[in-house]
Amino acid sequence: MKYECTYEANPLLPNRPSLERLIAHKAITLYPIYHPDYNRYVVQNEDIMWATGMIALVAYHNYRLIDKVKKYQERCPKVSTL
């Protein structure tokens, strides 16, 4: 989150989460999915394709957003690092 006009869209996280908060969030939410005691579902190729497609859409959206912000930096200044 280098720019003031960008923020985290995930409603479970604050607008400007710290790196530690992001890592904790991913670990807590993904643990039940990957741990065999919680998930007995066998992942199929179609499941992987859907998940990859969704992640690709999010990454593309983020790339376009940051590209737009870089073009118009006077409208969206960088966040202070103090």
PDB file of N, CA and C in Angstrom:
ATOM      1  N   MET A   1       0.827  -1.176   0.000  1.00  0.00           N
ATOM      2  CA  MET A   1       0.000   0.000   0.000  1.00  0.00           C
ATOM      3  C   MET A   1       0.877   1.247   0.000  1.00  0.00           C
ATOM      4  N   LYS A   2       1.474   1.524  -1.129  1.00  0.00           N
ATOM      5  CA  LYS A   2       2.394   2.652  -1.247  1.00  0.00           C
ATOM      6  C   LYS A   2       1.670   3.975  -1.431  1.00  0.00           C
ATOM      7  N   TYR A   3       0.422   3.955  -1.867  1.00  0.00           N
ATOM      8  CA  TYR A   3      -0.276   5.177  -2.210  1.00  0.00           C
ATOM      9  C   TYR A   3      -1.484   5.394  -1.298  1.00  0.00           C
ATOM     10  N   GLU A   4      -1.791   6.678  -1.037  1.00  0.00           N
ATOM     11  CA  GLU A   4      -2.876   7.026  -0.124  1.00  0.00           C
ATOM     12  C   GLU A   4      -4.248   6.601  -0.636  1.00  0.00           C
ATOM     13  N   CYS A   5      -4.439   6.557  -1.929  1.00  0.00           N
ATOM     14  CA  CYS A   5      -5.765   6.251  -2.464  1.00  0.00           C
ATOM     15  C   CYS A   5      -6.014   4.753  -2.657  1.00  0.00           C
ATOM     16  N   THR A   6      -5.046   3.925  -2.352  1.00  0.00           N
ATOM     17  CA  THR A   6      -5.260   2.484  -2.443  1.00  0.00           C
ATOM     18  C   THR A   6      -5.508   1.925  -1.048  1.00  0.00           C
ATOM     19  N   TYR A   7      -6.315   0.899  -0.985  1.00  0.00           N
ATOM     20  CA  TYR A   7      -6.631   0.279   0.290  1.00  0.00           C
ATOM     21  C   TYR A   7      -6.981  -1.191   0.071  1.00  0.00           C
ATOM     22  N   GLU A   8      -6.988  -1.945   1.134  1.00  0.00           N
ATOM     23  CA  GLU A   8      -7.310  -3.369   1.093  1.00  0.00           C
ATOM     24  C   GLU A   8      -8.818  -3.523   0.904  1.00  0.00           C
ATOM     25  N   ALA A   9      -9.232  -4.306  -0.065  1.00  0.00           N
ATOM     26  CA  ALA A   9     -10.646  -4.494  -0.355  1.00  0.00           C
ATOM     27  C   ALA A   9     -11.267  -5.640   0.434  1.00  0.00           C
ATOM     28  N   ASN A  10     -10.449  -6.494   1.017  1.00  0.00           N
ATOM     29  CA  ASN A  10     -10.968  -7.613   1.795  1.00  0.00           C
ATOM     30  C   ASN A  10     -11.661  -7.072   3.045  1.00  0.00           C
ATOM     31  N   PRO A  11     -12.954  -7.354   3.240  1.00  0.00           N
ATOM     32  CA  PRO A  11     -13.666  -6.807   4.393  1.00  0.00           C
ATOM     33  C   PRO A  11     -13.207  -7.379   5.733  1.00  0.00           C
ATOM     34  N   LEU A  12     -12.453  -8.463   5.719  1.00  0.00           N
ATOM     35  CA  LEU A  12     -11.961  -9.059   6.957  1.00  0.00           C
ATOM     36  C   LEU A  12     -10.662  -8.430   7.432  1.00  0.00           C
ATOM     37  N   LEU A  13     -10.109  -7.528   6.648  1.00  0.00           N
ATOM     38  CA  LEU A  13      -8.846  -6.864   6.992  1.00  0.00           C
ATOM     39  C   LEU A  13      -9.060  -5.355   7.067  1.00  0.00           C
ATOM     40  N   PRO A  14      -8.198  -4.657   7.823  1.00  0.00           N
ATOM     41  CA  PRO A  14      -8.297  -3.191   7.833  1.00  0.00           C
ATOM     42  C   PRO A  14      -7.867  -2.597   6.490  1.00  0.00           C
ATOM     43  N   ASN A  15      -8.129  -1.316   6.300  1.00  0.00           N
ATOM     44  CA  ASN A  15      -7.786  -0.667   5.024  1.00  0.00           C
ATOM     45  C   ASN A  15      -6.300  -0.729   4.705  1.00  0.00           C
ATOM     46  N   ARG A  16      -5.445  -0.653   5.721  1.00  0.00           N
ATOM     47  CA  ARG A  16      -3.998  -0.716   5.534  1.00  0.00           C
ATOM     48  C   ARG A  16      -3.395  -1.760   6.469  1.00  0.00           C
ATOM     49  N   PRO A  17      -3.558  -3.046   6.136  1.00  0.00           N
ATOM     50  CA  PRO A  17      -3.028  -4.082   7.020  1.00  0.00           C
ATOM     51  C   PRO A  17      -1.498  -4.159   6.968  1.00  0.00           C
ATOM     52  N   SER A  18      -0.914  -4.531   8.078  1.00  0.00           N
ATOM     53  CA  SER A  18       0.534  -4.719   8.118  1.00  0.00           C
ATOM     54  C   SER A  18       0.882  -6.054   7.448  1.00  0.00           C
ATOM     55  N   LEU A  19       2.143  -6.228   7.132  1.00  0.00           N
ATOM     56  CA  LEU A  19       2.584  -7.486   6.527  1.00  0.00           C
ATOM     57  C   LEU A  19       2.309  -8.652   7.468  1.00  0.00           C
ATOM     58  N   GLU A  20       2.554  -8.453   8.758  1.00  0.00           N
ATOM     59  CA  GLU A  20       2.301  -9.511   9.743  1.00  0.00           C
ATOM     60  C   GLU A  20       0.823  -9.888   9.777  1.00  0.00           C
ATOM     61  N   ARG A  21      -0.052  -8.891   9.682  1.00  0.00           N
ATOM     62  CA  ARG A  21      -1.496  -9.146   9.693  1.00  0.00           C
ATOM     63  C   ARG A  21      -1.910  -9.925   8.447  1.00  0.00           C
ATOM     64  N   LEU A  22      -1.342  -9.578   7.290  1.00  0.00           N
ATOM     65  CA  LEU A  22      -1.657 -10.308   6.065  1.00  0.00           C
ATOM     66  C   LEU A  22      -1.216 -11.767   6.150  1.00  0.00           C
ATOM     67  N   ILE A  23      -0.021 -12.000   6.674  1.00  0.00           N
ATOM     68  CA  ILE A  23       0.491 -13.365   6.803  1.00  0.00           C
ATOM     69  C   ILE A  23      -0.368 -14.160   7.776  1.00  0.00           C
ATOM     70  N   ALA A  24      -0.714 -13.556   8.911  1.00  0.00           N
ATOM     71  CA  ALA A  24      -1.563 -14.238   9.895  1.00  0.00           C
ATOM     72  C   ALA A  24      -2.934 -14.556   9.300  1.00  0.00           C
ATOM     73  N   HIS A  25      -3.496 -13.618   8.562  1.00  0.00           N
ATOM     74  CA  HIS A  25      -4.800 -13.832   7.938  1.00  0.00           C
ATOM     75  C   HIS A  25      -4.757 -15.013   6.966  1.00  0.00           C
ATOM     76  N   LYS A  26      -3.731 -15.040   6.129  1.00  0.00           N
ATOM     77  CA  LYS A  26      -3.608 -16.151   5.169  1.00  0.00           C
ATOM     78  C   LYS A  26      -3.410 -17.482   5.884  1.00  0.00           C
ATOM     79  N   ALA A  27      -2.570 -17.485   6.902  1.00  0.00           N
ATOM     80  CA  ALA A  27      -2.297 -18.733   7.625  1.00  0.00           C
ATOM     81  C   ALA A  27      -3.557 -19.264   8.302  1.00  0.00           C
ATOM     82  N   ILE A  28      -4.303 -18.381   8.938  1.00  0.00           N
ATOM     83  CA  ILE A  28      -5.511 -18.807   9.663  1.00  0.00           C
ATOM     84  C   ILE A  28      -6.600 -19.268   8.702  1.00  0.00           C
ATOM     85  N   THR A  29      -6.783 -18.568   7.601  1.00  0.00           N
ATOM     86  CA  THR A  29      -7.853 -18.949   6.679  1.00  0.00           C
ATOM     87  C   THR A  29      -7.490 -20.140   5.797  1.00  0.00           C
ATOM     88  N   LEU A  30      -6.219 -20.317   5.485  1.00  0.00           N
ATOM     89  CA  LEU A  30      -5.841 -21.428   4.602  1.00  0.00           C
ATOM     90  C   LEU A  30      -5.530 -22.724   5.351  1.00  0.00           C
ATOM     91  N   TYR A  31      -5.234 -22.643   6.638  1.00  0.00           N
ATOM     92  CA  TYR A  31      -4.891 -23.845   7.408  1.00  0.00           C
ATOM     93  C   TYR A  31      -5.982 -24.922   7.323  1.00  0.00           C
ATOM     94  N   PRO A  32      -7.255 -24.594   7.561  1.00  0.00           N
ATOM     95  CA  PRO A  32      -8.280 -25.650   7.477  1.00  0.00           C
ATOM     96  C   PRO A  32      -8.445 -26.236   6.076  1.00  0.00           C
ATOM     97  N   ILE A  33      -8.111 -25.452   5.057  1.00  0.00           N
ATOM     98  CA  ILE A  33      -8.264 -25.944   3.689  1.00  0.00           C
ATOM     99  C   ILE A  33      -7.216 -27.005   3.376  1.00  0.00           C
ATOM    100  N   TYR A  34      -6.002 -26.786   3.827  1.00  0.00           N
ATOM    101  CA  TYR A  34      -4.901 -27.686   3.474  1.00  0.00           C
ATOM    102  C   TYR A  34      -4.612 -28.773   4.501  1.00  0.00           C
ATOM    103  N   HIS A  35      -5.089 -28.614   5.728  1.00  0.00           N
ATOM    104  CA  HIS A  35      -4.799 -29.622   6.753  1.00  0.00           C
ATOM    105  C   HIS A  35      -5.727 -30.819   6.564  1.00  0.00           C
ATOM    106  N   PRO A  36      -5.186 -32.038   6.498  1.00  0.00           N
ATOM    107  CA  PRO A  36      -6.010 -33.216   6.205  1.00  0.00           C
ATOM    108  C   PRO A  36      -7.039 -33.540   7.287  1.00  0.00           C
ATOM    109  N   ASP A  37      -6.849 -33.102   8.520  1.00  0.00           N
ATOM    110  CA  ASP A  37      -7.840 -33.368   9.564  1.00  0.00           C
ATOM    111  C   ASP A  37      -9.122 -32.572   9.358  1.00  0.00           C
ATOM    112  N   TYR A  38      -9.054 -31.462   8.657  1.00  0.00           N
ATOM    113  CA  TYR A  38     -10.218 -30.610   8.444  1.00  0.00           C
ATOM    114  C   TYR A  38     -10.843 -30.792   7.075  1.00  0.00           C
ATOM    115  N   ASN A  39     -10.065 -31.196   6.104  1.00  0.00           N
ATOM    116  CA  ASN A  39     -10.558 -31.249   4.736  1.00  0.00           C
ATOM    117  C   ASN A  39     -10.307 -32.628   4.143  1.00  0.00           C
ATOM    118  N   ARG A  40     -11.373 -33.320   3.854  1.00  0.00           N
ATOM    119  CA  ARG A  40     -11.263 -34.659   3.256  1.00  0.00           C
ATOM    120  C   ARG A  40     -11.577 -34.631   1.753  1.00  0.00           C
ATOM    121  N   TYR A  41     -11.779 -33.458   1.214  1.00  0.00           N
ATOM    122  CA  TYR A  41     -12.115 -33.300  -0.197  1.00  0.00           C
ATOM    123  C   TYR A  41     -10.873 -33.501  -1.057  1.00  0.00           C
ATOM    124  N   VAL A  42     -11.023 -34.260  -2.125  1.00  0.00           N
ATOM    125  CA  VAL A  42      -9.924 -34.477  -3.064  1.00  0.00           C
ATOM    126  C   VAL A  42      -9.981 -33.386  -4.132  1.00  0.00           C
ATOM    127  N   VAL A  43      -8.901 -32.669  -4.271  1.00  0.00           N
ATOM    128  CA  VAL A  43      -8.845 -31.564  -5.230  1.00  0.00           C
ATOM    129  C   VAL A  43      -8.731 -32.127  -6.644  1.00  0.00           C
ATOM    130  N   GLN A  44      -9.587 -31.618  -7.510  1.00  0.00           N
ATOM    131  CA  GLN A  44      -9.604 -32.045  -8.906  1.00  0.00           C
ATOM    132  C   GLN A  44      -8.933 -30.967  -9.764  1.00  0.00           C
ATOM    133  N   ASN A  45      -8.592 -31.315 -10.992  1.00  0.00           N
ATOM    134  CA  ASN A  45      -7.979 -30.352 -11.915  1.00  0.00           C
ATOM    135  C   ASN A  45      -8.874 -29.145 -12.147  1.00  0.00           C
ATOM    136  N   GLU A  46     -10.169 -29.352 -12.233  1.00  0.00           N
ATOM    137  CA  GLU A  46     -11.111 -28.254 -12.452  1.00  0.00           C
ATOM    138  C   GLU A  46     -11.075 -27.261 -11.281  1.00  0.00           C
ATOM    139  N   ASP A  47     -10.927 -27.777 -10.067  1.00  0.00           N
ATOM    140  CA  ASP A  47     -10.827 -26.905  -8.891  1.00  0.00           C
ATOM    141  C   ASP A  47      -9.595 -26.012  -8.985  1.00  0.00           C
ATOM    142  N   ILE A  48      -8.490 -26.598  -9.396  1.00  0.00           N
ATOM    143  CA  ILE A  48      -7.242 -25.841  -9.531  1.00  0.00           C
ATOM    144  C   ILE A  48      -7.385 -24.779 -10.619  1.00  0.00           C
ATOM    145  N   MET A  49      -8.037 -25.137 -11.718  1.00  0.00           N
ATOM    146  CA  MET A  49      -8.222 -24.180 -12.812  1.00  0.00           C
ATOM    147  C   MET A  49      -9.067 -22.993 -12.355  1.00  0.00           C
ATOM    148  N   TRP A  50     -10.160 -23.229 -11.617  1.00  0.00           N
ATOM    149  CA  TRP A  50     -11.011 -22.146 -11.126  1.00  0.00           C
ATOM    150  C   TRP A  50     -10.242 -21.253 -10.155  1.00  0.00           C
ATOM    151  N   ALA A  51      -9.519 -21.860  -9.224  1.00  0.00           N
ATOM    152  CA  ALA A  51      -8.760 -21.085  -8.242  1.00  0.00           C
ATOM    153  C   ALA A  51      -7.687 -20.241  -8.939  1.00  0.00           C
ATOM    154  N   THR A  52      -6.997 -20.828  -9.891  1.00  0.00           N
ATOM    155  CA  THR A  52      -5.966 -20.105 -10.628  1.00  0.00           C
ATOM    156  C   THR A  52      -6.570 -18.954 -11.420  1.00  0.00           C
ATOM    157  N   GLY A  53      -7.714 -19.184 -12.028  1.00  0.00           N
ATOM    158  CA  GLY A  53      -8.390 -18.132 -12.778  1.00  0.00           C
ATOM    159  C   GLY A  53      -8.807 -16.963 -11.894  1.00  0.00           C
ATOM    160  N   MET A  54      -9.331 -17.262 -10.719  1.00  0.00           N
ATOM    161  CA  MET A  54      -9.746 -16.201  -9.796  1.00  0.00           C
ATOM    162  C   MET A  54      -8.539 -15.400  -9.308  1.00  0.00           C
ATOM    163  N   ILE A  55      -7.467 -16.081  -8.977  1.00  0.00           N
ATOM    164  CA  ILE A  55      -6.253 -15.395  -8.519  1.00  0.00           C
ATOM    165  C   ILE A  55      -5.680 -14.536  -9.649  1.00  0.00           C
ATOM    166  N   ALA A  56      -5.738 -15.044 -10.875  1.00  0.00           N
ATOM    167  CA  ALA A  56      -5.240 -14.274 -12.018  1.00  0.00           C
ATOM    168  C   ALA A  56      -6.066 -13.006 -12.219  1.00  0.00           C
ATOM    169  N   LEU A  57      -7.382 -13.088 -12.046  1.00  0.00           N
ATOM    170  CA  LEU A  57      -8.226 -11.898 -12.180  1.00  0.00           C
ATOM    171  C   LEU A  57      -7.899 -10.856 -11.115  1.00  0.00           C
ATOM    172  N   VAL A  58      -7.705 -11.291  -9.890  1.00  0.00           N
ATOM    173  CA  VAL A  58      -7.359 -10.370  -8.803  1.00  0.00           C
ATOM    174  C   VAL A  58      -5.999  -9.721  -9.080  1.00  0.00           C
ATOM    175  N   ALA A  59      -5.027 -10.522  -9.502  1.00  0.00           N
ATOM    176  CA  ALA A  59      -3.693  -9.989  -9.796  1.00  0.00           C
ATOM    177  C   ALA A  59      -3.756  -8.986 -10.949  1.00  0.00           C
ATOM    178  N   TYR A  60      -4.519  -9.274 -11.976  1.00  0.00           N
ATOM    179  CA  TYR A  60      -4.660  -8.354 -13.108  1.00  0.00           C
ATOM    180  C   TYR A  60      -5.315  -7.046 -12.671  1.00  0.00           C
ATOM    181  N   HIS A  61      -6.355  -7.148 -11.863  1.00  0.00           N
ATOM    182  CA  HIS A  61      -7.017  -5.952 -11.343  1.00  0.00           C
ATOM    183  C   HIS A  61      -6.034  -5.099 -10.542  1.00  0.00           C
ATOM    184  N   ASN A  62      -5.261  -5.725  -9.660  1.00  0.00           N
ATOM    185  CA  ASN A  62      -4.285  -4.993  -8.850  1.00  0.00           C
ATOM    186  C   ASN A  62      -3.213  -4.344  -9.724  1.00  0.00           C
ATOM    187  N   TYR A  63      -2.754  -5.044 -10.742  1.00  0.00           N
ATOM    188  CA  TYR A  63      -1.755  -4.506 -11.659  1.00  0.00           C
ATOM    189  C   TYR A  63      -2.295  -3.263 -12.366  1.00  0.00           C
ATOM    190  N   ARG A  64      -3.515  -3.331 -12.883  1.00  0.00           N
ATOM    191  CA  ARG A  64      -4.121  -2.188 -13.570  1.00  0.00           C
ATOM    192  C   ARG A  64      -4.315  -1.011 -12.620  1.00  0.00           C
ATOM    193  N   LEU A  65      -4.727  -1.292 -11.391  1.00  0.00           N
ATOM    194  CA  LEU A  65      -4.934  -0.236 -10.418  1.00  0.00           C
ATOM    195  C   LEU A  65      -3.633   0.492 -10.095  1.00  0.00           C
ATOM    196  N   ILE A  66      -2.576  -0.240  -9.830  1.00  0.00           N
ATOM    197  CA  ILE A  66      -1.291   0.371  -9.506  1.00  0.00           C
ATOM    198  C   ILE A  66      -0.728   1.116 -10.724  1.00  0.00           C
ATOM    199  N   ASP A  67      -0.923   0.575 -11.912  1.00  0.00           N
ATOM    200  CA  ASP A  67      -0.471   1.260 -13.127  1.00  0.00           C
ATOM    201  C   ASP A  67      -1.182   2.603 -13.275  1.00  0.00           C
ATOM    202  N   LYS A  68      -2.482   2.638 -13.009  1.00  0.00           N
ATOM    203  CA  LYS A  68      -3.242   3.885 -13.091  1.00  0.00           C
ATOM    204  C   LYS A  68      -2.768   4.887 -12.041  1.00  0.00           C
ATOM    205  N   VAL A  69      -2.503   4.422 -10.842  1.00  0.00           N
ATOM    206  CA  VAL A  69      -2.037   5.302  -9.767  1.00  0.00           C
ATOM    207  C   VAL A  69      -0.674   5.890 -10.111  1.00  0.00           C
ATOM    208  N   LYS A  70       0.210   5.100 -10.685  1.00  0.00           N
ATOM    209  CA  LYS A  70       1.536   5.598 -11.063  1.00  0.00           C
ATOM    210  C   LYS A  70       1.448   6.677 -12.140  1.00  0.00           C
ATOM    211  N   LYS A  71       0.472   6.555 -13.043  1.00  0.00           N
ATOM    212  CA  LYS A  71       0.313   7.550 -14.107  1.00  0.00           C
ATOM    213  C   LYS A  71      -0.164   8.894 -13.561  1.00  0.00           C
ATOM    214  N   TYR A  72      -0.974   8.853 -12.505  1.00  0.00           N
ATOM    215  CA  TYR A  72      -1.578  10.067 -11.965  1.00  0.00           C
ATOM    216  C   TYR A  72      -1.153  10.277 -10.513  1.00  0.00           C
ATOM    217  N   GLN A  73       0.140  10.356 -10.270  1.00  0.00           N
ATOM    218  CA  GLN A  73       0.653  10.476  -8.904  1.00  0.00           C
ATOM    219  C   GLN A  73       0.263  11.780  -8.234  1.00  0.00           C
ATOM    220  N   GLU A  74      -0.016  12.819  -9.017  1.00  0.00           N
ATOM    221  CA  GLU A  74      -0.414  14.088  -8.403  1.00  0.00           C
ATOM    222  C   GLU A  74      -1.782  13.973  -7.734  1.00  0.00           C
ATOM    223  N   ARG A  75      -2.620  13.062  -8.200  1.00  0.00           N
ATOM    224  CA  ARG A  75      -3.934  12.837  -7.590  1.00  0.00           C
ATOM    225  C   ARG A  75      -3.867  11.904  -6.392  1.00  0.00           C
ATOM    226  N   CYS A  76      -2.835  11.084  -6.363  1.00  0.00           N
ATOM    227  CA  CYS A  76      -2.725  10.064  -5.324  1.00  0.00           C
ATOM    228  C   CYS A  76      -1.278   9.991  -4.834  1.00  0.00           C
ATOM    229  N   PRO A  77      -0.928  10.809  -3.845  1.00  0.00           N
ATOM    230  CA  PRO A  77       0.460  10.822  -3.384  1.00  0.00           C
ATOM    231  C   PRO A  77       0.851   9.547  -2.640  1.00  0.00           C
ATOM    232  N   LYS A  78       2.164   9.339  -2.551  1.00  0.00           N
ATOM    233  CA  LYS A  78       2.666   8.187  -1.816  1.00  0.00           C
ATOM    234  C   LYS A  78       2.420   8.355  -0.323  1.00  0.00           C
ATOM    235  N   VAL A  79       2.305   7.242   0.361  1.00  0.00           N
ATOM    236  CA  VAL A  79       2.106   7.256   1.809  1.00  0.00           C
ATOM    237  C   VAL A  79       3.419   7.618   2.472  1.00  0.00           C
ATOM    238  N   SER A  80       3.360   8.416   3.501  1.00  0.00           N
ATOM    239  CA  SER A  80       4.564   8.802   4.237  1.00  0.00           C
ATOM    240  C   SER A  80       5.183   7.585   4.904  1.00  0.00           C
ATOM    241  N   THR A  81       6.489   7.510   4.911  1.00  0.00           N
ATOM    242  CA  THR A  81       7.181   6.366   5.523  1.00  0.00           C
ATOM    243  C   THR A  81       7.727   6.690   6.895  1.00  0.00           C
ATOM    244  N   LEU A  82       7.294   7.791   7.502  1.00  0.00           N
ATOM    245  CA  LEU A  82       7.759   8.170   8.842  1.00  0.00           C
ATOM    246  C   LEU A  82       7.181   7.285   9.896  1.00  0.00           C
TER     247      LEU A  82
END
